Amino acid sequence: MAKPGTQTGQPRAADLLCWYDRHLRVLPWRALPGERPDPYRVWLSEVMLQQTTIAAVKPYFARFLERFSTVEALAGAPEEAVMSAWAGLGYYSRARNLHACAKAVAIAGRFPDTAEGLRKLPGIGAYTAGAIAAIAFGRQEAAVDGNVERVMTRLFALEAPLPGSRPEIRRLTQALVPADRPGDFAQAVMDLGATICTPKRPACALCPWMLPCRARDLGLQETFPRKVRAVKGTLRRGAAFVAVRSGDEAILLRTRPAGGLLGAMAEPPMSQWEPDYDPARALLDAPLDARWKRLPGLVRHGFTHFPLELTVFHARVGLATRAPEGMRFTAGRDLAEEPLPGLMRKVLAHAFDPKPEAERKPRGRPKREPEPAPLLAIAEPPAPEPASPSRFRPVPKPAPRPAARPAEHEDGGDEAGGETPPAPRPPTRSRRARSSKR
């Protein structure tokens, strides 16, 4: 382990690219060495990977390519099909922007090959534009995502907290981008942050930039990047109404407004989400007259800016029941085609398998309350504690036998009429003595 003060030199792109050539990750949207990157795959993957992990994106990326193999196919698809294919990835405004961007590219005939031109397309920001320009078109552009921010703040020990330090991070990253292989450099920094320079316990000994890293030199690598503590949003509450039609088991759904949170996604009818929403008055928000049953438990979900708790109501309606205006009954076999986000899937799952709230137990050991003392307590000396019984009992020592005292013979004892003591018994010979005598 290097000692503090041994940080030497400046980071070099060549060292990172040498490491990347040996340890690059094989991903379905990444071109292998010697292959030409496909701008459509690069763009699609970068949009999907925003705020989402690689493990979650892989199956969605494969399904998207099966349904929309080209940007023209995506542009010509109906919005409902795009939203349905996206359902479950979250941040659904990305799906709407993805569709709008595909239409703009289809009209233009190709993707712009510069970061400035890419920034003009719907849903493409500074990071996505830099990534596409560098990876797909070989432009000398910086692509700064969360992994890159972590690597650069540690590499240069930037004390300014995020998000205010992002312009400086971009400037430092841009200065390191080489003229040749800028796309590989962008992917190398991402891989370095994902596999070596991790948020916790970074593997500094394996890092190609170990020596020039200032945070490692100070022994403070895990404390970077500096961040401003996020303020948790206010809890909101609401009610969801799941109506099931008898006979075909169809479920009443509607489409949310195109703008705003979960825009253009499908959902069972719901109330407004408000901090002071009262579930006891929820039936006033029911979409139709039915025998609504309040289910035990709650559906909890966390959004970026606030947590949400939903009370679910369930009802069965007749086969002849018509859907209210702006709503529709969807058969169970067709639910997979509905653009249901993760929250709405949790609501439907709770409606058919309600789970009561688990009793929350306090953490740690329960505190023992002291006994109340009298108002006028007299200080008394503490009572002596009883001695603990010994593990061994003393055995009493046996008393010695008294020695026999000889009888006293006085003169004239016989004349006094006293009894004469018996004569002593002659000693018996042992059997051995007799046998030896024989």
Protein backbone atom coordinates (compact mmCIF):
# COMPACT_ATOMS: atom_id res chain seq x y z
CA MET A 1 0.00 0.00 0.00
CA ALA A 2 1.36 3.35 -0.96
CA LYS A 3 1.96 5.89 1.79
CA PRO A 4 0.36 9.35 1.79
CA GLY A 5 2.35 11.72 -0.32
CA THR A 6 3.32 9.23 -3.01
CA GLN A 7 0.83 10.49 -5.60
CA THR A 8 2.76 11.06 -8.78
CA GLY A 9 2.04 12.44 -12.22
CA GLN A 10 -1.21 13.05 -14.07
CA PRO A 11 -3.68 10.41 -15.25
CA ARG A 12 -3.07 9.22 -18.80
CA ALA A 13 -5.72 7.93 -21.18
CA ALA A 14 -3.25 5.35 -22.53
CA ASP A 15 -3.06 3.59 -19.14
CA LEU A 16 -6.83 3.36 -18.92
CA LEU A 17 -7.21 2.09 -22.51
CA CYS A 18 -4.57 -0.58 -21.90
CA TRP A 19 -6.58 -1.79 -18.90
CA TYR A 20 -9.83 -1.62 -20.93
CA ASP A 21 -8.43 -3.78 -23.72
CA ARG A 22 -7.91 -6.57 -21.19
CA HIS A 23 -11.00 -6.16 -19.01
CA LEU A 24 -13.77 -4.67 -21.17
CA ARG A 25 -17.29 -5.91 -20.45
CA VAL A 26 -19.17 -7.70 -23.23
CA LEU A 27 -22.62 -6.08 -23.46
CA PRO A 28 -25.39 -6.68 -26.05
CA TRP A 29 -25.29 -3.08 -27.30
CA ARG A 30 -21.51 -2.74 -27.31
CA ALA A 31 -19.55 -3.35 -30.51
CA LEU A 32 -16.73 -5.84 -30.18
CA PRO A 33 -13.18 -4.83 -31.16
CA GLY A 34 -13.02 -4.39 -34.92
CA GLU A 35 -16.81 -3.91 -35.31
CA ARG A 36 -18.47 -0.64 -36.22
CA PRO A 37 -20.89 0.65 -33.57
CA ASP A 38 -24.57 0.90 -34.52
CA PRO A 39 -25.91 4.39 -33.65
CA TYR A 40 -29.43 2.99 -33.10
CA ARG A 41 -28.21 0.43 -30.54
CA VAL A 42 -25.97 2.98 -28.83
CA TRP A 43 -28.78 5.52 -28.58
CA LEU A 44 -31.35 2.98 -27.38
CA SER A 45 -29.04 1.57 -24.71
CA GLU A 46 -27.99 4.99 -23.42
CA VAL A 47 -31.60 6.11 -23.02
CA MET A 48 -32.54 2.88 -21.23
CA LEU A 49 -29.53 3.00 -18.92
CA GLN A 50 -30.47 6.40 -17.50
CA GLN A 51 -31.19 5.82 -13.78
CA THR A 52 -31.37 2.06 -14.44
CA THR A 53 -28.93 -0.81 -13.91
CA ILE A 54 -27.41 -2.93 -16.67
CA ALA A 55 -29.02 -6.09 -15.26
CA ALA A 56 -32.47 -4.54 -15.52
CA VAL A 57 -31.90 -3.13 -19.03
CA LYS A 58 -30.62 -6.30 -20.75
CA PRO A 59 -33.98 -8.12 -21.16
CA TYR A 60 -35.80 -4.92 -22.17
CA PHE A 61 -33.13 -4.12 -24.75
CA ALA A 62 -33.48 -7.57 -26.31
CA ARG A 63 -37.29 -7.32 -26.44
CA PHE A 64 -37.13 -3.84 -27.96
CA LEU A 65 -34.87 -5.05 -30.76
CA GLU A 66 -37.23 -7.95 -31.45
CA ARG A 67 -40.25 -5.65 -31.76
CA PHE A 68 -38.49 -2.56 -33.21
CA SER A 69 -35.37 -3.70 -35.05
CA THR A 70 -34.65 -0.29 -36.60
CA VAL A 71 -35.28 3.32 -35.73
CA GLU A 72 -37.80 3.46 -38.59
CA ALA A 73 -39.74 0.54 -37.11
CA LEU A 74 -39.81 2.28 -33.74
CA ALA A 75 -40.96 5.54 -35.30
CA GLY A 76 -43.83 3.81 -37.08
CA ALA A 77 -45.09 1.92 -34.02
CA PRO A 78 -48.14 3.21 -32.10
CA GLU A 79 -47.40 4.92 -28.81
CA GLU A 80 -49.32 2.28 -26.84
CA ALA A 81 -47.00 -0.44 -28.16
CA VAL A 82 -43.91 1.56 -27.22
CA MET A 83 -45.21 2.27 -23.72
CA SER A 84 -46.17 -1.38 -23.28
CA ALA A 85 -42.68 -2.54 -24.26
CA TRP A 86 -41.18 -0.01 -21.85
CA ALA A 87 -43.47 -0.87 -18.91
CA GLY A 88 -41.41 -1.82 -15.87
CA LEU A 89 -38.30 0.25 -16.66
CA GLY A 90 -39.59 3.34 -14.87
CA TYR A 91 -39.13 7.03 -15.71
CA TYR A 92 -41.76 6.74 -18.42
CA SER A 93 -41.15 10.18 -19.86
CA ARG A 94 -38.05 8.57 -21.40
CA ALA A 95 -40.27 6.23 -23.41
CA ARG A 96 -42.32 9.11 -24.79
CA ASN A 97 -39.18 11.04 -25.68
CA LEU A 98 -37.69 7.89 -27.20
CA HIS A 99 -40.66 7.57 -29.53
CA ALA A 100 -40.57 11.27 -30.45
CA CYS A 101 -36.81 11.10 -31.09
CA ALA A 102 -37.23 8.06 -33.33
CA LYS A 103 -39.78 9.95 -35.42
CA ALA A 104 -37.41 12.92 -35.79
CA VAL A 105 -34.50 10.67 -36.82
CA ALA A 106 -36.71 8.76 -39.27
CA ILE A 107 -37.72 12.04 -40.91
CA ALA A 108 -34.09 13.24 -41.10
CA GLY A 109 -32.95 9.87 -42.42
CA ARG A 110 -30.09 9.37 -39.92
CA PHE A 111 -28.76 10.36 -36.50
CA PRO A 112 -26.76 13.59 -36.26
CA ASP A 113 -23.05 12.80 -35.80
CA THR A 114 -22.15 15.71 -33.49
CA ALA A 115 -22.99 16.41 -29.87
CA GLU A 116 -24.57 19.74 -30.85
CA GLY A 117 -26.86 18.10 -33.40
CA LEU A 118 -27.80 15.28 -31.03
CA ARG A 119 -28.74 17.77 -28.28
CA LYS A 120 -31.51 19.08 -30.51
CA LEU A 121 -33.35 15.76 -30.51
CA PRO A 122 -36.12 15.06 -27.94
CA GLY A 123 -34.94 13.46 -24.71
CA ILE A 124 -31.19 13.77 -25.40
CA GLY A 125 -29.19 15.70 -22.82
CA ALA A 126 -25.53 16.51 -22.43
CA TYR A 127 -24.47 13.05 -21.24
CA THR A 128 -26.43 11.08 -23.87
CA ALA A 129 -25.26 13.40 -26.65
CA GLY A 130 -21.62 13.03 -25.58
CA ALA A 131 -21.89 9.24 -25.27
CA ILE A 132 -23.51 8.77 -28.70
CA ALA A 133 -21.11 11.20 -30.40
CA ALA A 134 -18.04 9.52 -28.88
CA ILE A 135 -19.09 5.85 -29.10
CA ALA A 136 -21.08 5.79 -32.33
CA PHE A 137 -19.25 8.50 -34.33
CA GLY A 138 -15.76 8.75 -32.78
CA ARG A 139 -16.10 12.38 -31.73
CA GLN A 140 -13.76 13.71 -29.04
CA GLU A 141 -16.54 14.28 -26.52
CA ALA A 142 -16.83 13.60 -22.79
CA ALA A 143 -19.65 11.37 -21.53
CA VAL A 144 -20.18 12.01 -17.82
CA ASP A 145 -22.56 9.75 -15.91
CA GLY A 146 -22.62 8.72 -12.25
CA ASN A 147 -19.71 6.31 -12.63
CA VAL A 148 -17.58 8.93 -14.34
CA GLU A 149 -18.43 11.52 -11.68
CA ARG A 150 -17.22 9.15 -8.96
CA VAL A 151 -13.97 8.36 -10.80
CA MET A 152 -13.14 12.00 -11.52
CA THR A 153 -13.95 13.37 -8.07
CA ARG A 154 -11.64 10.75 -6.55
CA LEU A 155 -8.96 11.16 -9.18
CA PHE A 156 -8.72 14.90 -8.52
CA ALA A 157 -10.07 14.94 -4.92
CA LEU A 158 -12.75 17.51 -5.74
CA GLU A 159 -14.12 18.95 -2.50
CA ALA A 160 -17.06 20.77 -4.07
CA PRO A 161 -20.24 18.71 -3.57
CA LEU A 162 -22.54 17.43 -6.26
CA PRO A 163 -24.47 18.65 -8.19
CA GLY A 164 -22.62 21.98 -8.12
CA SER A 165 -19.31 20.40 -9.12
CA ARG A 166 -20.60 18.89 -12.38
CA PRO A 167 -19.28 21.64 -14.68
CA GLU A 168 -15.78 21.17 -13.24
CA ILE A 169 -16.07 17.37 -13.58
CA ARG A 170 -17.05 17.73 -17.23
CA ARG A 171 -14.12 20.08 -17.87
CA LEU A 172 -11.62 17.66 -16.29
CA THR A 173 -13.07 14.70 -18.16
CA GLN A 174 -13.02 16.50 -21.47
CA ALA A 175 -9.33 17.32 -20.98
CA LEU A 176 -8.53 13.59 -20.69
CA VAL A 177 -10.43 12.40 -23.79
CA PRO A 178 -7.89 11.31 -26.43
CA ALA A 179 -8.22 12.19 -30.10
CA ASP A 180 -8.02 8.53 -31.05
CA ARG A 181 -10.42 5.99 -29.54
CA PRO A 182 -12.68 8.51 -27.73
CA GLY A 183 -15.53 5.99 -27.72
CA ASP A 184 -13.40 3.34 -26.05
CA PHE A 185 -12.23 5.92 -23.53
CA ALA A 186 -15.84 6.82 -22.64
CA GLN A 187 -16.74 3.16 -22.13
CA ALA A 188 -13.49 2.51 -20.24
CA VAL A 189 -14.21 5.19 -17.63
CA MET A 190 -17.74 3.80 -17.22
CA ASP A 191 -16.38 0.27 -16.75
CA LEU A 192 -13.75 1.51 -14.31
CA GLY A 193 -16.40 3.15 -12.15
CA ALA A 194 -18.71 0.12 -12.33
CA THR A 195 -16.12 -2.57 -11.54
CA ILE A 196 -13.10 -1.02 -9.79
CA CYS A 197 -13.87 2.47 -8.51
CA THR A 198 -17.09 1.35 -6.82
CA PRO A 199 -19.00 3.45 -4.26
CA LYS A 200 -17.86 1.25 -1.36
CA ARG A 201 -14.57 -0.60 -0.95
CA PRO A 202 -12.97 0.41 -4.27
CA ALA A 203 -10.28 -1.98 -5.51
CA CYS A 204 -7.57 0.65 -5.70
CA ALA A 205 -4.78 -1.92 -6.04
CA LEU A 206 -6.25 -3.01 -9.41
CA CYS A 207 -6.90 0.49 -10.76
CA PRO A 208 -4.80 1.68 -13.73
CA TRP A 209 -4.99 5.21 -12.28
CA MET A 210 -3.95 4.23 -8.76
CA LEU A 211 -0.75 6.30 -8.64
CA PRO A 212 -2.14 9.62 -9.89
CA CYS A 213 -5.32 9.31 -7.77
CA ARG A 214 -5.28 12.08 -5.17
CA ALA A 215 -8.12 10.71 -3.04
CA ARG A 216 -6.33 7.37 -2.68
CA ASP A 217 -3.14 9.18 -1.81
CA LEU A 218 -5.00 10.89 1.05
CA GLY A 219 -6.72 7.66 2.10
CA LEU A 220 -10.15 9.29 1.58
CA GLN A 221 -11.33 7.56 -1.59
CA GLU A 222 -14.58 6.27 -0.05
CA THR A 223 -15.59 9.78 1.01
CA PHE A 224 -15.81 11.02 -2.59
CA PRO A 225 -17.82 12.34 -4.29
CA ARG A 226 -19.05 14.90 -1.79
CA LYS A 227 -22.82 15.21 -1.89
CA VAL A 228 -25.46 17.50 -0.45
CA ARG A 229 -27.84 15.54 1.74
CA ALA A 230 -31.06 14.98 -0.16
CA VAL A 231 -34.29 16.14 1.46
CA LYS A 232 -36.89 13.38 1.61
CA GLY A 233 -40.23 14.33 0.12
CA THR A 234 -43.51 14.43 2.03
CA LEU A 235 -45.45 11.18 2.20
CA ARG A 236 -48.51 11.13 -0.03
CA ARG A 237 -51.55 8.87 0.25
CA GLY A 238 -54.33 7.80 -2.07
CA ALA A 239 -56.79 5.07 -3.01
CA ALA A 240 -56.85 2.59 -5.90
CA PHE A 241 -60.02 0.88 -7.15
CA VAL A 242 -59.74 -2.55 -8.78
CA ALA A 243 -63.03 -3.58 -10.40
CA VAL A 244 -63.22 -7.13 -11.81
CA ARG A 245 -66.00 -8.04 -14.23
CA SER A 246 -67.62 -11.40 -13.54
CA GLY A 247 -67.66 -13.83 -16.44
CA ASP A 248 -64.52 -12.77 -18.30
CA GLU A 249 -62.48 -11.50 -15.31
CA ALA A 250 -61.67 -8.26 -17.15
CA ILE A 251 -60.17 -5.42 -15.10
CA LEU A 252 -61.19 -1.79 -15.29
CA LEU A 253 -58.27 0.41 -16.45
CA ARG A 254 -57.67 3.89 -17.74
CA THR A 255 -54.77 5.86 -19.28
CA ARG A 256 -53.04 8.58 -17.32
CA PRO A 257 -52.60 12.03 -18.88
CA ALA A 258 -49.65 12.28 -21.27
CA GLY A 259 -47.85 14.93 -19.25
CA GLY A 260 -46.57 14.54 -15.74
CA LEU A 261 -45.68 11.54 -13.60
CA LEU A 262 -46.28 8.13 -15.25
CA GLY A 263 -47.69 9.94 -18.27
CA ALA A 264 -49.61 7.88 -20.87
CA MET A 265 -49.33 4.74 -18.72
CA ALA A 266 -52.22 2.44 -17.79
CA GLU A 267 -53.63 2.24 -14.27
CA PRO A 268 -56.70 1.14 -12.34
CA PRO A 269 -58.83 4.17 -11.41
CA MET A 270 -57.32 6.15 -8.55
CA SER A 271 -57.87 9.13 -6.33
CA GLN A 272 -55.55 12.10 -6.10
CA TRP A 273 -52.29 11.55 -4.20
CA GLU A 274 -52.27 14.01 -1.31
CA PRO A 275 -50.44 14.23 2.03
CA ASP A 276 -53.70 14.53 4.00
CA TYR A 277 -55.81 12.05 2.00
CA ASP A 278 -58.36 10.23 4.21
CA PRO A 279 -59.05 6.61 3.11
CA ALA A 280 -62.28 6.67 5.13
CA ARG A 281 -63.75 9.03 2.51
CA ALA A 282 -62.24 7.17 -0.46
CA LEU A 283 -65.56 5.81 -1.78
CA LEU A 284 -66.37 9.33 -2.93
CA ASP A 285 -63.61 8.83 -5.54
CA ALA A 286 -64.84 5.40 -6.72
CA PRO A 287 -65.24 5.19 -10.52
CA LEU A 288 -68.63 3.42 -10.40
CA ASP A 289 -71.27 2.16 -7.97
CA ALA A 290 -70.35 -1.25 -6.60
CA ARG A 291 -69.86 -3.12 -3.36
CA TRP A 292 -66.36 -1.93 -2.70
CA LYS A 293 -64.36 -3.79 -0.11
CA ARG A 294 -61.39 -2.18 1.54
CA LEU A 295 -58.48 -4.63 1.52
CA PRO A 296 -56.08 -4.99 4.44
CA GLY A 297 -52.59 -3.63 4.12
CA LEU A 298 -51.11 -0.90 1.95
CA VAL A 299 -49.21 -0.67 -1.32
CA ARG A 300 -46.03 1.32 -0.81
CA HIS A 301 -43.92 2.81 -3.59
CA GLY A 302 -41.06 5.27 -3.71
CA PHE A 303 -40.72 7.93 -6.38
CA THR A 304 -37.71 10.17 -6.81
CA HIS A 305 -39.23 13.08 -4.90
CA PHE A 306 -41.76 11.49 -2.54
CA PRO A 307 -42.97 8.17 -1.06
CA LEU A 308 -46.52 6.94 -1.69
CA GLU A 309 -49.01 4.76 0.21
CA LEU A 310 -52.14 3.46 -1.51
CA THR A 311 -55.21 1.85 0.06
CA VAL A 312 -56.71 -0.69 -2.35
CA PHE A 313 -60.45 -1.26 -2.79
CA HIS A 314 -61.80 -4.31 -4.64
CA ALA A 315 -65.21 -5.00 -6.18
CA ARG A 316 -66.82 -7.48 -8.56
CA VAL A 317 -69.30 -6.12 -11.11
CA GLY A 318 -71.73 -7.79 -13.50
CA LEU A 319 -70.85 -8.91 -16.99
CA ALA A 320 -73.15 -6.28 -18.47
CA THR A 321 -71.40 -3.42 -16.65
CA ARG A 322 -70.12 -0.77 -19.01
CA ALA A 323 -66.86 1.03 -18.46
CA PRO A 324 -67.19 4.69 -17.48
CA GLU A 325 -66.14 7.30 -20.02
CA GLY A 326 -62.40 7.34 -20.60
CA MET A 327 -61.95 3.85 -19.12
CA ARG A 328 -61.93 0.32 -20.46
CA PHE A 329 -62.20 -3.29 -19.33
CA THR A 330 -59.11 -5.32 -20.24
CA ALA A 331 -59.21 -9.11 -20.16
CA GLY A 332 -56.63 -10.84 -18.00
CA ARG A 333 -54.97 -12.45 -21.02
CA ASP A 334 -54.37 -8.98 -22.52
CA LEU A 335 -52.85 -7.35 -19.43
CA ALA A 336 -49.35 -8.04 -20.73
CA GLU A 337 -50.06 -5.67 -23.63
CA GLU A 338 -51.10 -2.84 -21.32
CA PRO A 339 -48.39 -0.30 -20.38
CA LEU A 340 -48.66 -0.96 -16.66
CA PRO A 341 -45.81 0.55 -14.61
CA GLY A 342 -44.38 -1.21 -11.60
CA LEU A 343 -46.61 0.62 -9.13
CA MET A 344 -49.80 -0.45 -10.92
CA ARG A 345 -48.61 -4.03 -11.13
CA LYS A 346 -48.14 -3.96 -7.37
CA VAL A 347 -51.69 -2.63 -6.94
CA LEU A 348 -53.18 -5.45 -9.04
CA ALA A 349 -51.09 -8.06 -7.24
CA HIS A 350 -52.31 -6.73 -3.89
CA ALA A 351 -55.93 -6.77 -5.08
CA PHE A 352 -55.81 -10.50 -5.80
CA ASP A 353 -53.54 -11.43 -2.88
CA PRO A 354 -53.94 -8.84 -0.11
CA LYS A 355 -51.40 -8.96 2.66
CA PRO A 356 -52.06 -7.28 6.00
CA GLU A 357 -49.59 -4.89 7.48
CA ALA A 358 -46.87 -6.62 9.46
CA GLU A 359 -46.53 -5.46 13.02
CA ARG A 360 -43.52 -3.23 13.31
CA LYS A 361 -41.34 -4.11 16.26
CA PRO A 362 -39.00 -1.53 17.78
CA ARG A 363 -35.36 -2.02 16.97
CA GLY A 364 -32.91 -2.99 19.67
CA ARG A 365 -33.59 -4.19 23.18
CA PRO A 366 -36.63 -2.77 24.97
CA LYS A 367 -35.72 -0.22 27.61
CA ARG A 368 -36.51 -1.20 31.19
CA GLU A 369 -38.33 1.54 33.02
CA PRO A 370 -37.12 2.17 36.59
CA GLU A 371 -39.63 1.63 39.41
CA PRO A 372 -41.24 4.87 40.64
CA ALA A 373 -39.68 6.18 43.86
CA PRO A 374 -41.83 7.61 46.73
CA LEU A 375 -42.06 11.38 47.04
CA LEU A 376 -40.25 11.41 50.40
CA ALA A 377 -37.73 8.67 50.02
CA ILE A 378 -35.51 8.05 53.05
CA ALA A 379 -32.02 7.03 52.24
CA GLU A 380 -31.51 3.61 53.74
CA PRO A 381 -28.38 1.56 53.67
CA PRO A 382 -28.60 -1.17 51.10
CA ALA A 383 -29.54 -4.52 52.51
CA PRO A 384 -26.67 -6.98 52.56
CA GLU A 385 -26.89 -9.49 49.84
CA PRO A 386 -27.39 -13.05 51.01
CA ALA A 387 -24.29 -15.13 50.79
CA SER A 388 -24.38 -17.50 47.93
CA PRO A 389 -24.54 -21.12 49.05
CA SER A 390 -21.26 -22.96 48.87
CA ARG A 391 -20.89 -25.61 46.29
CA PHE A 392 -19.26 -28.00 48.81
CA ARG A 393 -20.68 -29.09 52.18
CA PRO A 394 -18.18 -29.63 55.01
CA VAL A 395 -18.10 -33.21 56.23
CA PRO A 396 -18.06 -33.43 60.09
CA LYS A 397 -14.99 -35.10 61.54
CA PRO A 398 -15.87 -38.30 63.41
CA ALA A 399 -15.24 -38.23 67.19
CA PRO A 400 -12.57 -40.66 68.49
CA ARG A 401 -13.72 -43.75 70.33
CA PRO A 402 -13.13 -43.65 74.09
CA ALA A 403 -10.41 -46.06 75.30
CA ALA A 404 -11.52 -48.92 77.58
CA ARG A 405 -10.50 -48.31 81.22
CA PRO A 406 -9.18 -51.35 83.24
CA ALA A 407 -11.28 -52.48 86.22
CA GLU A 408 -10.07 -51.27 89.63
CA HIS A 409 -9.21 -54.04 92.21
CA GLU A 410 -9.27 -52.99 95.84
CA ASP A 411 -8.08 -55.05 98.77
CA GLY A 412 -10.84 -57.26 100.07
CA GLY A 413 -12.78 -56.98 97.00
CA ASP A 414 -13.79 -60.63 97.06
CA GLU A 415 -14.86 -60.38 100.62
CA ALA A 416 -17.05 -57.48 99.69
CA GLY A 417 -19.03 -59.84 97.49
CA GLY A 418 -18.02 -58.26 94.10
CA GLU A 419 -18.28 -60.28 90.97
CA THR A 420 -15.12 -61.85 89.67
CA PRO A 421 -14.31 -60.69 86.09
CA PRO A 422 -14.33 -63.44 83.50
CA ALA A 423 -11.07 -65.14 82.71
CA PRO A 424 -9.37 -64.07 79.50
CA ARG A 425 -10.01 -66.26 76.48
CA PRO A 426 -6.98 -68.19 75.35
CA PRO A 427 -5.68 -67.12 71.97
CA THR A 428 -6.65 -69.32 69.08
CA ARG A 429 -4.05 -70.70 66.81
CA SER A 430 -4.22 -69.82 63.24
CA ARG A 431 -4.85 -72.45 60.63
CA ARG A 432 -1.49 -71.72 59.05
CA ALA A 433 0.33 -72.39 62.33
CA ARG A 434 -1.44 -75.70 62.78
CA SER A 435 -0.70 -76.76 59.25
CA SER A 436 2.97 -75.92 59.59
CA LYS A 437 3.12 -77.89 62.84
CA ARG A 438 1.79 -80.92 61.14
